[in-house]
N, C-alpha and C. Protein backbone atom coordinates (compact mmCIF):
# COMPACT_ATOMS: atom_id res chain seq x y z
N MET A 1 -74.26 -221.71 57.37
CA MET A 1 -73.10 -221.97 56.55
C MET A 1 -72.06 -220.90 56.84
N ASP A 2 -70.80 -221.29 56.98
CA ASP A 2 -69.72 -220.36 57.26
C ASP A 2 -69.17 -219.82 55.95
N CYS A 3 -69.21 -218.51 55.78
CA CYS A 3 -68.79 -217.89 54.53
C CYS A 3 -67.40 -217.28 54.64
N ARG A 4 -66.61 -217.65 55.60
CA ARG A 4 -65.29 -217.07 55.76
C ARG A 4 -64.36 -217.57 54.67
N VAL A 5 -63.59 -216.63 54.15
CA VAL A 5 -62.59 -216.96 53.15
C VAL A 5 -61.27 -216.42 53.64
N GLY A 6 -60.33 -217.27 53.92
CA GLY A 6 -59.02 -216.79 54.36
C GLY A 6 -59.07 -215.98 55.62
N GLY A 7 -60.05 -216.27 56.51
CA GLY A 7 -60.16 -215.52 57.78
C GLY A 7 -60.93 -214.19 57.64
N ILE A 8 -61.33 -213.85 56.42
CA ILE A 8 -62.07 -212.60 56.20
C ILE A 8 -63.55 -212.92 56.13
N ILE A 9 -64.35 -212.18 56.85
CA ILE A 9 -65.81 -212.41 56.81
C ILE A 9 -66.34 -211.44 55.75
N PRO A 10 -66.96 -211.97 54.69
CA PRO A 10 -67.46 -211.11 53.62
C PRO A 10 -68.66 -210.28 54.09
N VAL A 11 -68.99 -209.27 53.29
CA VAL A 11 -70.16 -208.41 53.54
C VAL A 11 -71.38 -209.35 53.63
N SER A 12 -72.34 -208.96 54.47
CA SER A 12 -73.50 -209.82 54.65
C SER A 12 -74.19 -210.12 53.34
N SER A 13 -74.84 -211.28 53.27
CA SER A 13 -75.52 -211.67 52.04
C SER A 13 -76.61 -210.70 51.69
N THR A 14 -77.25 -210.08 52.66
CA THR A 14 -78.30 -209.10 52.38
C THR A 14 -77.75 -207.92 51.62
N LEU A 15 -76.56 -207.44 52.04
CA LEU A 15 -75.95 -206.30 51.34
C LEU A 15 -75.51 -206.72 49.95
N LEU A 16 -74.99 -207.96 49.79
CA LEU A 16 -74.58 -208.44 48.49
C LEU A 16 -75.80 -208.56 47.55
N GLU A 17 -76.92 -209.08 48.11
CA GLU A 17 -78.13 -209.21 47.30
C GLU A 17 -78.64 -207.82 46.88
N ARG A 18 -78.64 -206.89 47.81
CA ARG A 18 -79.08 -205.53 47.47
C ARG A 18 -78.17 -204.93 46.42
N SER A 19 -76.87 -205.16 46.53
CA SER A 19 -75.91 -204.68 45.55
C SER A 19 -76.19 -205.29 44.17
N HIS A 20 -76.55 -206.59 44.13
CA HIS A 20 -76.88 -207.27 42.89
C HIS A 20 -78.17 -206.65 42.29
N LEU A 21 -79.16 -206.42 43.11
CA LEU A 21 -80.39 -205.81 42.66
C LEU A 21 -80.13 -204.42 42.11
N THR A 22 -79.31 -203.65 42.80
CA THR A 22 -78.94 -202.30 42.35
C THR A 22 -78.28 -202.39 40.96
N SER A 23 -77.32 -203.32 40.83
CA SER A 23 -76.63 -203.50 39.54
C SER A 23 -77.62 -203.86 38.43
N SER A 24 -78.58 -204.71 38.74
CA SER A 24 -79.58 -205.11 37.74
C SER A 24 -80.40 -203.92 37.27
N LEU A 25 -80.78 -203.06 38.23
CA LEU A 25 -81.56 -201.87 37.86
C LEU A 25 -80.72 -200.95 36.98
N VAL A 26 -79.51 -200.67 37.40
CA VAL A 26 -78.65 -199.73 36.70
C VAL A 26 -78.30 -200.27 35.31
N SER A 27 -77.98 -201.54 35.22
CA SER A 27 -77.63 -202.12 33.88
C SER A 27 -78.82 -202.15 32.93
N SER A 28 -80.02 -202.02 33.46
CA SER A 28 -81.24 -201.95 32.62
C SER A 28 -81.55 -200.51 32.24
N GLY A 29 -80.69 -199.57 32.67
CA GLY A 29 -80.90 -198.18 32.33
C GLY A 29 -81.86 -197.46 33.25
N LEU A 30 -82.13 -198.04 34.40
CA LEU A 30 -83.07 -197.44 35.34
C LEU A 30 -82.34 -196.68 36.47
N ARG A 31 -82.94 -195.58 36.89
CA ARG A 31 -82.43 -194.92 38.09
C ARG A 31 -82.75 -195.82 39.26
N CYS A 32 -81.85 -195.86 40.20
CA CYS A 32 -82.04 -196.74 41.34
C CYS A 32 -82.61 -195.94 42.52
N THR A 33 -83.93 -195.68 42.44
CA THR A 33 -84.57 -194.92 43.51
C THR A 33 -84.81 -195.89 44.68
N PRO A 34 -84.91 -195.37 45.89
CA PRO A 34 -85.16 -196.25 47.03
C PRO A 34 -86.49 -197.02 46.88
N GLN A 35 -87.50 -196.38 46.33
CA GLN A 35 -88.79 -197.04 46.16
C GLN A 35 -88.69 -198.18 45.13
N ARG A 36 -88.02 -197.92 44.03
CA ARG A 36 -87.88 -198.94 42.97
C ARG A 36 -87.05 -200.13 43.51
N LEU A 37 -85.99 -199.81 44.26
CA LEU A 37 -85.16 -200.88 44.81
C LEU A 37 -85.97 -201.71 45.82
N GLU A 38 -86.78 -201.08 46.64
CA GLU A 38 -87.58 -201.80 47.64
C GLU A 38 -88.59 -202.73 46.95
N VAL A 39 -89.26 -202.21 45.94
CA VAL A 39 -90.26 -203.02 45.21
C VAL A 39 -89.56 -204.18 44.52
N PHE A 40 -88.43 -203.91 43.86
CA PHE A 40 -87.66 -204.97 43.21
C PHE A 40 -87.19 -206.00 44.20
N GLU A 41 -86.76 -205.55 45.37
CA GLU A 41 -86.31 -206.46 46.39
C GLU A 41 -87.45 -207.35 46.92
N VAL A 42 -88.60 -206.78 47.13
CA VAL A 42 -89.76 -207.55 47.59
C VAL A 42 -90.09 -208.66 46.58
N VAL A 43 -90.17 -208.28 45.28
CA VAL A 43 -90.51 -209.28 44.27
C VAL A 43 -89.42 -210.34 44.18
N SER A 44 -88.16 -209.92 44.22
CA SER A 44 -87.03 -210.83 44.09
C SER A 44 -86.95 -211.87 45.19
N HIS A 45 -87.44 -211.50 46.37
CA HIS A 45 -87.40 -212.42 47.50
C HIS A 45 -88.72 -213.12 47.75
N SER A 46 -89.65 -213.00 46.81
CA SER A 46 -90.95 -213.63 46.97
C SER A 46 -91.02 -214.90 46.13
N GLY A 47 -91.40 -215.96 46.74
CA GLY A 47 -91.57 -217.24 46.04
C GLY A 47 -93.01 -217.52 45.72
N ASP A 48 -93.91 -216.61 46.11
CA ASP A 48 -95.32 -216.89 46.01
C ASP A 48 -96.06 -216.10 44.92
N HIS A 49 -95.33 -215.42 44.04
CA HIS A 49 -95.93 -214.68 42.92
C HIS A 49 -96.95 -213.68 43.48
N PRO A 50 -96.52 -212.71 44.27
CA PRO A 50 -97.45 -211.78 44.89
C PRO A 50 -98.12 -210.84 43.90
N THR A 51 -99.30 -210.35 44.29
CA THR A 51 -100.02 -209.32 43.51
C THR A 51 -99.44 -207.98 43.86
N ALA A 52 -99.80 -206.95 43.14
CA ALA A 52 -99.32 -205.60 43.42
C ALA A 52 -99.73 -205.20 44.86
N GLU A 53 -100.92 -205.56 45.26
CA GLU A 53 -101.37 -205.22 46.59
C GLU A 53 -100.53 -205.91 47.68
N GLU A 54 -100.19 -207.18 47.45
CA GLU A 54 -99.33 -207.89 48.40
C GLU A 54 -97.93 -207.29 48.46
N ILE A 55 -97.40 -206.90 47.31
CA ILE A 55 -96.10 -206.26 47.25
C ILE A 55 -96.15 -204.95 47.99
N PHE A 56 -97.22 -204.19 47.79
CA PHE A 56 -97.41 -202.90 48.50
C PHE A 56 -97.37 -203.10 50.00
N LYS A 57 -98.12 -204.09 50.49
CA LYS A 57 -98.19 -204.34 51.94
C LYS A 57 -96.82 -204.75 52.50
N ARG A 58 -96.06 -205.56 51.76
CA ARG A 58 -94.75 -206.00 52.21
C ARG A 58 -93.75 -204.83 52.16
N ALA A 59 -93.80 -204.04 51.15
CA ALA A 59 -92.86 -202.91 51.01
C ALA A 59 -93.13 -201.84 52.06
N LYS A 60 -94.41 -201.68 52.44
CA LYS A 60 -94.81 -200.68 53.47
C LYS A 60 -94.16 -200.97 54.83
N ARG A 61 -93.78 -202.21 55.06
CA ARG A 61 -93.16 -202.57 56.35
C ARG A 61 -91.84 -201.79 56.55
N THR A 62 -91.09 -201.61 55.44
CA THR A 62 -89.83 -200.90 55.54
C THR A 62 -89.88 -199.48 55.02
N MET A 63 -90.93 -199.16 54.23
CA MET A 63 -91.11 -197.83 53.68
C MET A 63 -92.56 -197.40 53.95
N PRO A 64 -92.88 -196.97 55.15
CA PRO A 64 -94.26 -196.62 55.51
C PRO A 64 -94.92 -195.54 54.67
N ASP A 65 -94.12 -194.67 54.07
CA ASP A 65 -94.69 -193.56 53.28
C ASP A 65 -94.91 -193.94 51.80
N LEU A 66 -94.64 -195.18 51.44
CA LEU A 66 -94.77 -195.63 50.06
C LEU A 66 -96.23 -195.69 49.67
N SER A 67 -96.55 -195.21 48.50
CA SER A 67 -97.94 -195.24 48.03
C SER A 67 -98.15 -196.43 47.08
N PHE A 68 -99.42 -196.82 46.95
CA PHE A 68 -99.75 -197.92 46.05
C PHE A 68 -99.46 -197.54 44.62
N ALA A 69 -99.72 -196.28 44.27
CA ALA A 69 -99.44 -195.82 42.89
C ALA A 69 -97.94 -195.95 42.56
N THR A 70 -97.09 -195.64 43.53
CA THR A 70 -95.65 -195.78 43.32
C THR A 70 -95.27 -197.22 43.08
N VAL A 71 -95.84 -198.12 43.91
CA VAL A 71 -95.56 -199.55 43.74
C VAL A 71 -96.02 -200.01 42.37
N TYR A 72 -97.19 -199.64 41.96
CA TYR A 72 -97.73 -200.01 40.67
C TYR A 72 -96.84 -199.50 39.54
N ASN A 73 -96.42 -198.23 39.63
CA ASN A 73 -95.56 -197.66 38.59
C ASN A 73 -94.18 -198.34 38.57
N CYS A 74 -93.64 -198.67 39.74
CA CYS A 74 -92.36 -199.39 39.82
C CYS A 74 -92.50 -200.78 39.16
N LEU A 75 -93.56 -201.48 39.45
CA LEU A 75 -93.78 -202.78 38.87
C LEU A 75 -93.88 -202.70 37.36
N SER A 76 -94.61 -201.72 36.86
CA SER A 76 -94.77 -201.54 35.42
C SER A 76 -93.41 -201.31 34.78
N THR A 77 -92.59 -200.50 35.38
CA THR A 77 -91.23 -200.21 34.84
C THR A 77 -90.36 -201.44 34.89
N LEU A 78 -90.39 -202.19 35.99
CA LEU A 78 -89.59 -203.43 36.10
C LEU A 78 -90.01 -204.45 35.07
N VAL A 79 -91.28 -204.57 34.80
CA VAL A 79 -91.77 -205.51 33.79
C VAL A 79 -91.33 -205.02 32.41
N GLN A 80 -91.46 -203.74 32.13
CA GLN A 80 -91.10 -203.16 30.86
C GLN A 80 -89.63 -203.37 30.55
N HIS A 81 -88.77 -203.34 31.57
CA HIS A 81 -87.33 -203.48 31.40
C HIS A 81 -86.84 -204.93 31.54
N GLY A 82 -87.78 -205.88 31.66
CA GLY A 82 -87.43 -207.29 31.68
C GLY A 82 -86.77 -207.76 32.97
N LEU A 83 -87.03 -207.08 34.06
CA LEU A 83 -86.45 -207.48 35.35
C LEU A 83 -87.42 -208.32 36.18
N VAL A 84 -88.72 -208.22 35.88
CA VAL A 84 -89.77 -208.93 36.59
C VAL A 84 -90.78 -209.37 35.54
N ARG A 85 -91.39 -210.51 35.75
CA ARG A 85 -92.38 -211.03 34.81
C ARG A 85 -93.76 -210.82 35.42
N GLN A 86 -94.68 -210.29 34.60
CA GLN A 86 -96.10 -210.19 35.03
C GLN A 86 -96.81 -211.46 34.62
N VAL A 87 -97.52 -212.07 35.58
CA VAL A 87 -98.25 -213.32 35.33
C VAL A 87 -99.73 -213.05 35.48
N THR A 88 -100.46 -213.33 34.42
CA THR A 88 -101.92 -213.11 34.45
C THR A 88 -102.60 -214.50 34.39
N LEU A 89 -103.38 -214.77 35.40
CA LEU A 89 -104.10 -216.04 35.50
C LEU A 89 -105.60 -215.75 35.44
N ASP A 90 -106.19 -215.98 34.31
CA ASP A 90 -107.60 -215.72 34.10
C ASP A 90 -107.94 -214.27 34.45
N ARG A 91 -108.97 -214.05 35.24
CA ARG A 91 -109.39 -212.70 35.56
C ARG A 91 -108.91 -212.25 36.93
N ALA A 92 -108.01 -213.01 37.49
CA ALA A 92 -107.46 -212.65 38.81
C ALA A 92 -106.48 -211.50 38.68
N PRO A 93 -106.18 -210.81 39.77
CA PRO A 93 -105.19 -209.72 39.71
C PRO A 93 -103.85 -210.25 39.21
N ALA A 94 -103.12 -209.42 38.45
CA ALA A 94 -101.81 -209.80 37.96
C ALA A 94 -100.90 -210.14 39.13
N ARG A 95 -100.04 -211.10 38.91
CA ARG A 95 -99.02 -211.48 39.91
C ARG A 95 -97.65 -211.16 39.29
N PHE A 96 -96.64 -211.15 40.13
CA PHE A 96 -95.30 -210.79 39.65
C PHE A 96 -94.31 -211.86 40.07
N CYS A 97 -93.46 -212.20 39.11
CA CYS A 97 -92.52 -213.34 39.26
C CYS A 97 -91.11 -212.86 38.97
N PRO A 98 -90.17 -213.16 39.86
CA PRO A 98 -88.78 -212.78 39.63
C PRO A 98 -88.00 -213.69 38.69
N ASN A 99 -88.58 -214.85 38.38
CA ASN A 99 -87.94 -215.85 37.55
C ASN A 99 -88.05 -215.44 36.08
N MET A 100 -86.96 -215.00 35.47
CA MET A 100 -87.02 -214.54 34.09
C MET A 100 -86.65 -215.62 33.08
N ARG A 101 -86.32 -216.83 33.55
CA ARG A 101 -86.06 -217.95 32.63
C ARG A 101 -87.40 -218.41 32.03
N GLU A 102 -87.31 -219.09 30.89
CA GLU A 102 -88.54 -219.63 30.31
C GLU A 102 -89.10 -220.67 31.27
N HIS A 103 -90.36 -220.53 31.62
CA HIS A 103 -91.04 -221.49 32.50
C HIS A 103 -92.54 -221.24 32.39
N CYS A 104 -93.30 -222.12 32.99
CA CYS A 104 -94.74 -221.91 33.05
C CYS A 104 -95.16 -221.92 34.52
N HIS A 105 -96.43 -221.76 34.80
CA HIS A 105 -96.92 -221.66 36.16
C HIS A 105 -98.01 -222.67 36.41
N PHE A 106 -98.00 -223.23 37.62
CA PHE A 106 -99.08 -224.11 38.08
C PHE A 106 -99.91 -223.34 39.06
N TYR A 107 -101.22 -223.28 38.88
CA TYR A 107 -102.13 -222.54 39.74
C TYR A 107 -103.05 -223.55 40.44
N CYS A 108 -103.05 -223.56 41.78
CA CYS A 108 -103.93 -224.44 42.52
C CYS A 108 -105.32 -223.80 42.57
N ASP A 109 -106.31 -224.49 41.98
CA ASP A 109 -107.67 -223.98 41.96
C ASP A 109 -108.29 -223.88 43.34
N HIS A 110 -107.76 -224.65 44.29
CA HIS A 110 -108.35 -224.70 45.62
C HIS A 110 -107.83 -223.55 46.50
N CYS A 111 -106.50 -223.44 46.62
CA CYS A 111 -105.96 -222.46 47.58
C CYS A 111 -105.36 -221.20 46.89
N GLY A 112 -105.17 -221.26 45.58
CA GLY A 112 -104.65 -220.10 44.87
C GLY A 112 -103.13 -220.01 44.80
N ALA A 113 -102.42 -221.02 45.31
CA ALA A 113 -100.98 -221.00 45.27
C ALA A 113 -100.51 -221.05 43.81
N VAL A 114 -99.37 -220.37 43.53
CA VAL A 114 -98.80 -220.38 42.19
C VAL A 114 -97.35 -220.85 42.32
N LEU A 115 -96.98 -221.78 41.44
CA LEU A 115 -95.67 -222.41 41.49
C LEU A 115 -95.03 -222.35 40.14
N ASP A 116 -93.73 -222.05 40.07
CA ASP A 116 -93.01 -222.09 38.79
C ASP A 116 -92.76 -223.54 38.39
N ILE A 117 -92.96 -223.84 37.13
CA ILE A 117 -92.74 -225.18 36.57
C ILE A 117 -91.74 -224.99 35.40
N GLU A 118 -90.65 -225.68 35.46
CA GLU A 118 -89.66 -225.57 34.40
C GLU A 118 -90.23 -226.20 33.12
N THR A 119 -89.89 -225.63 31.97
CA THR A 119 -90.33 -226.16 30.70
C THR A 119 -89.39 -227.28 30.25
N PRO A 120 -89.83 -228.09 29.35
CA PRO A 120 -88.98 -229.18 28.86
C PRO A 120 -87.67 -228.62 28.26
N THR A 121 -86.65 -229.43 28.25
CA THR A 121 -85.38 -229.04 27.63
C THR A 121 -85.65 -228.63 26.19
N GLY A 122 -85.09 -227.50 25.83
CA GLY A 122 -85.34 -226.97 24.50
C GLY A 122 -86.29 -225.80 24.53
N GLY A 123 -86.86 -225.52 25.70
CA GLY A 123 -87.70 -224.34 25.86
C GLY A 123 -88.93 -224.33 24.99
N SER A 124 -89.29 -223.14 24.52
CA SER A 124 -90.52 -222.93 23.83
C SER A 124 -90.65 -223.68 22.52
N SER A 125 -89.57 -224.06 21.90
CA SER A 125 -89.62 -224.78 20.63
C SER A 125 -90.21 -226.18 20.81
N HIS A 126 -90.26 -226.68 22.05
CA HIS A 126 -90.80 -228.03 22.31
C HIS A 126 -92.21 -227.99 22.92
N LEU A 127 -92.80 -226.83 23.02
CA LEU A 127 -94.12 -226.71 23.63
C LEU A 127 -95.23 -227.26 22.74
N ALA A 128 -95.18 -226.87 21.46
CA ALA A 128 -96.21 -227.30 20.54
C ALA A 128 -95.68 -227.21 19.13
N PRO A 129 -96.09 -228.09 18.23
CA PRO A 129 -95.63 -227.98 16.86
C PRO A 129 -96.27 -226.74 16.22
N LEU A 130 -95.43 -225.95 15.56
CA LEU A 130 -95.93 -224.75 14.89
C LEU A 130 -95.92 -224.95 13.37
N PRO A 131 -96.80 -224.25 12.66
CA PRO A 131 -96.77 -224.30 11.21
C PRO A 131 -95.42 -223.77 10.70
N GLN A 132 -95.06 -224.20 9.52
CA GLN A 132 -93.80 -223.79 8.86
C GLN A 132 -93.65 -222.28 8.88
N GLY A 133 -92.52 -221.78 9.30
CA GLY A 133 -92.19 -220.38 9.28
C GLY A 133 -92.57 -219.58 10.51
N TYR A 134 -93.35 -220.16 11.41
CA TYR A 134 -93.74 -219.47 12.64
C TYR A 134 -92.65 -219.60 13.68
N ARG A 135 -92.44 -218.53 14.47
CA ARG A 135 -91.46 -218.55 15.54
C ARG A 135 -92.10 -217.99 16.81
N ILE A 136 -91.78 -218.59 17.94
CA ILE A 136 -92.28 -218.12 19.22
C ILE A 136 -91.31 -217.06 19.75
N SER A 137 -91.83 -215.89 20.12
CA SER A 137 -91.01 -214.86 20.71
C SER A 137 -91.13 -214.88 22.24
N SER A 138 -92.29 -215.26 22.72
CA SER A 138 -92.51 -215.43 24.15
C SER A 138 -93.81 -216.25 24.33
N TYR A 139 -94.01 -216.73 25.53
CA TYR A 139 -95.22 -217.46 25.80
C TYR A 139 -95.62 -217.27 27.27
N ASN A 140 -96.89 -217.59 27.51
CA ASN A 140 -97.43 -217.54 28.86
C ASN A 140 -98.31 -218.75 29.04
N LEU A 141 -97.80 -219.77 29.69
CA LEU A 141 -98.51 -221.01 29.85
C LEU A 141 -98.83 -221.25 31.32
N SER A 142 -100.09 -221.47 31.63
CA SER A 142 -100.52 -221.72 33.00
C SER A 142 -101.18 -223.11 33.05
N LEU A 143 -100.78 -223.85 34.01
CA LEU A 143 -101.39 -225.17 34.31
C LEU A 143 -102.26 -225.02 35.54
N ARG A 144 -103.40 -225.62 35.56
CA ARG A 144 -104.32 -225.52 36.69
C ARG A 144 -104.60 -226.90 37.24
N GLY A 145 -104.86 -226.94 38.55
CA GLY A 145 -105.17 -228.20 39.19
C GLY A 145 -105.16 -228.03 40.68
N THR A 146 -104.72 -229.08 41.39
CA THR A 146 -104.72 -229.06 42.85
C THR A 146 -103.32 -229.37 43.32
N CYS A 147 -102.83 -228.61 44.28
CA CYS A 147 -101.51 -228.82 44.85
C CYS A 147 -101.54 -229.98 45.81
N PRO A 148 -100.38 -230.53 46.20
CA PRO A 148 -100.37 -231.68 47.15
C PRO A 148 -101.06 -231.39 48.47
N ALA A 149 -100.93 -230.16 48.99
CA ALA A 149 -101.55 -229.83 50.26
C ALA A 149 -103.08 -229.86 50.21
N CYS A 150 -103.61 -229.58 49.03
CA CYS A 150 -105.07 -229.55 48.87
C CYS A 150 -105.65 -230.85 48.32
N THR A 151 -104.83 -231.71 47.76
CA THR A 151 -105.31 -232.95 47.16
C THR A 151 -106.03 -233.86 48.18
N GLY A 152 -107.13 -234.38 47.78
CA GLY A 152 -107.87 -235.33 48.61
C GLY A 152 -108.81 -234.73 49.58
N SER A 153 -108.95 -233.38 49.60
CA SER A 153 -109.87 -232.74 50.53
C SER A 153 -110.53 -231.55 49.84
N ALA A 154 -111.81 -231.60 49.69
CA ALA A 154 -112.52 -230.47 49.13
C ALA A 154 -112.38 -229.23 50.00
N LEU A 155 -112.22 -229.44 51.27
CA LEU A 155 -112.05 -228.31 52.21
C LEU A 155 -110.69 -228.38 52.88
N GLY A 156 -109.70 -228.87 52.17
CA GLY A 156 -108.35 -229.06 52.72
C GLY A 156 -107.72 -227.75 53.15
N PRO A 157 -106.57 -227.85 53.80
CA PRO A 157 -105.90 -226.67 54.29
C PRO A 157 -105.37 -225.81 53.15
N ARG A 158 -105.26 -224.50 53.42
CA ARG A 158 -104.61 -223.62 52.45
C ARG A 158 -103.12 -223.89 52.46
N CYS A 159 -102.50 -223.82 51.29
CA CYS A 159 -101.07 -224.14 51.23
C CYS A 159 -100.22 -222.90 51.09
N ASP A 160 -100.69 -221.75 51.49
CA ASP A 160 -99.88 -220.54 51.41
C ASP A 160 -99.35 -220.09 52.74
């Protein structure tokens, strides 16, 4: 896609994305350390809901001196400040999701893929009838089953 406006070529989308991530960190009251920015960038560009270990491996590609403890601490801070969502599926390692809108997750029992599923219009108020006076502040809903790539084959291909 050509992004020229009036003959001027804008700053690369990667720099704009990094600038947006930096702004998100700063507006949440966080210092924008290189490690925190790298971890936030890895999660933000992941569509597969990676675990802390997967984020660590991906971040190490550009920051070889990064420690797992630093990645874990960065993730904890990002979750605490509402920039990343922690997703817990049964007893599996926690996964991290950049989608902060109300949604649920579909987990493929066969290959382990995790997919965001939008909630019905109206959000959490339409999930289940609540007794009088109760209000939902947040929810964590996971659906389990088989993804299209694994359907029809007990030993089907992995879809990751």
